[in-house]
Amino acid sequence: MRRTYTAVVERNALWQGDFATEPYEAAWASEAIFFVRALADAVGTGGNARVQISADGIRWVDEGTTFDLPRSEDEITFCRVSHFGGWLRIAGTLAPNNRMAVLVSLALKE
């Protein structure tokens, strides 16, 4: 039987400028899906996020996966990741004067 776990890594977070989620240790998992839900309509033109990986949860490198962020209230976007090592997070930069409130979940599966 495969093991699964879903963690909320950002709750009611206001993103503007540079942002990054809390890191999450997921070495036991073989696949992951980040879900980003907009809690209100985004202010500005929206943006995108990129997946980052880390061996130690301190120093980060881009994994290569990018995805669009939601723009409307209750809209959800997601990305799938595999072969990621020990730690995961998403990061990005919103244009000046842009901001969004989000809930970010990380679903992991062995």
Protein backbone atom coordinates (compact mmCIF):
# COMPACT_ATOMS: atom_id res chain seq x y z
CA MET A 1 0.00 0.00 0.00
CA ARG A 2 1.39 3.39 -0.98
CA ARG A 3 1.76 6.06 1.68
CA THR A 4 0.39 9.58 1.08
CA TYR A 5 0.47 12.81 3.05
CA THR A 6 -0.75 16.35 2.40
CA ALA A 7 0.84 19.32 4.18
CA VAL A 8 -0.34 22.93 4.16
CA VAL A 9 2.93 24.85 3.70
CA GLU A 10 1.43 28.37 3.44
CA ARG A 11 -1.88 29.49 4.96
CA ASN A 12 -3.32 32.96 4.30
CA ALA A 13 0.07 34.13 3.02
CA LEU A 14 0.29 37.50 1.27
CA TRP A 15 2.80 37.27 -1.57
CA GLN A 16 4.34 40.39 -3.09
CA GLY A 17 7.79 40.91 -4.59
CA ASP A 18 10.05 37.91 -3.90
CA PHE A 19 8.32 34.99 -2.17
CA ALA A 20 9.08 31.42 -1.12
CA THR A 21 7.05 28.83 0.77
CA GLU A 22 8.25 27.20 3.93
CA PRO A 23 10.57 24.30 3.03
CA TYR A 24 9.23 20.79 3.46
CA GLU A 25 11.27 17.62 3.98
CA ALA A 26 9.97 14.96 1.62
CA ALA A 27 12.83 12.49 1.11
CA TRP A 28 10.53 9.50 1.68
CA ALA A 29 8.19 10.48 -1.19
CA SER A 30 8.66 9.61 -4.86
CA GLU A 31 6.24 12.18 -6.23
CA ALA A 32 4.80 15.52 -5.16
CA ILE A 33 2.14 17.97 -6.28
CA PHE A 34 2.06 21.62 -5.19
CA PHE A 35 -1.43 23.19 -5.17
CA VAL A 36 -1.75 26.98 -4.96
CA ARG A 37 -5.21 28.45 -4.26
CA ALA A 38 -5.94 32.16 -4.50
CA LEU A 39 -7.85 33.36 -1.45
CA ALA A 40 -8.88 36.59 -3.23
CA ASP A 41 -8.51 38.07 -6.70
CA ALA A 42 -4.85 38.83 -7.39
CA VAL A 43 -3.84 42.49 -7.63
CA GLY A 44 -1.92 43.09 -10.85
CA THR A 45 -1.00 40.84 -13.72
CA GLY A 46 -0.37 37.59 -11.84
CA GLY A 47 2.85 35.68 -12.18
CA ASN A 48 4.45 32.28 -11.97
CA ALA A 49 6.31 30.14 -9.49
CA ARG A 50 9.20 27.71 -9.78
CA VAL A 51 9.96 24.55 -7.85
CA GLN A 52 13.18 24.56 -5.85
CA ILE A 53 15.03 21.60 -4.31
CA SER A 54 17.61 21.37 -1.56
CA ALA A 55 19.83 18.75 0.03
CA ASP A 56 19.76 20.46 3.44
CA GLY A 57 16.69 22.76 3.48
CA ILE A 58 18.95 25.84 3.59
CA ARG A 59 20.59 26.25 0.16
CA TRP A 60 18.20 26.12 -2.80
CA VAL A 61 18.44 25.47 -6.55
CA ASP A 62 15.75 25.67 -9.22
CA GLU A 63 14.48 22.20 -10.17
CA GLY A 64 13.29 23.35 -13.61
CA THR A 65 9.50 23.15 -13.20
CA THR A 66 7.53 26.40 -13.45
CA PHE A 67 3.79 27.04 -13.40
CA ASP A 68 1.31 29.92 -13.53
CA LEU A 69 -0.16 31.23 -10.31
CA PRO A 70 -3.94 31.59 -9.89
CA ARG A 71 -5.44 35.03 -10.53
CA SER A 72 -9.06 34.73 -9.40
CA GLU A 73 -10.52 33.95 -5.98
CA ASP A 74 -10.73 30.18 -5.37
CA GLU A 75 -8.82 29.41 -8.58
CA ILE A 76 -6.27 26.62 -8.08
CA THR A 77 -3.12 25.90 -10.07
CA PHE A 78 -0.69 23.04 -9.54
CA CYS A 79 2.53 21.40 -10.64
CA ARG A 80 3.86 17.84 -10.42
CA VAL A 81 7.41 16.97 -9.39
CA SER A 82 9.44 13.75 -9.12
CA HIS A 83 13.14 12.94 -8.55
CA PHE A 84 13.59 15.79 -6.09
CA GLY A 85 15.82 14.55 -3.27
CA GLY A 86 15.19 15.68 0.28
CA TRP A 87 13.56 19.14 0.48
CA LEU A 88 10.98 21.02 -1.62
CA ARG A 89 9.55 24.52 -1.83
CA ILE A 90 8.20 26.92 -4.45
CA ALA A 91 9.52 30.43 -5.02
CA GLY A 92 8.98 33.33 -7.39
CA THR A 93 8.81 37.06 -7.87
CA LEU A 94 5.69 39.14 -8.48
CA ALA A 95 5.97 42.37 -10.45
CA PRO A 96 6.00 45.64 -8.47
CA ASN A 97 2.55 46.57 -7.06
CA ASN A 98 1.27 43.01 -7.63
CA ARG A 99 0.14 40.90 -4.70
CA MET A 100 -1.92 37.84 -3.94
CA ALA A 101 -3.21 35.95 -0.91
CA VAL A 102 -2.70 32.19 -1.15
CA LEU A 103 -3.06 28.82 0.48
CA VAL A 104 -0.38 26.33 -0.63
CA SER A 105 -0.65 22.58 -0.10
CA LEU A 106 1.94 19.92 -0.88
CA ALA A 107 0.60 16.42 -1.61
CA LEU A 108 3.23 13.68 -1.31
CA LYS A 109 3.06 10.04 -2.36
CA GLU A 110 5.48 7.17 -1.82
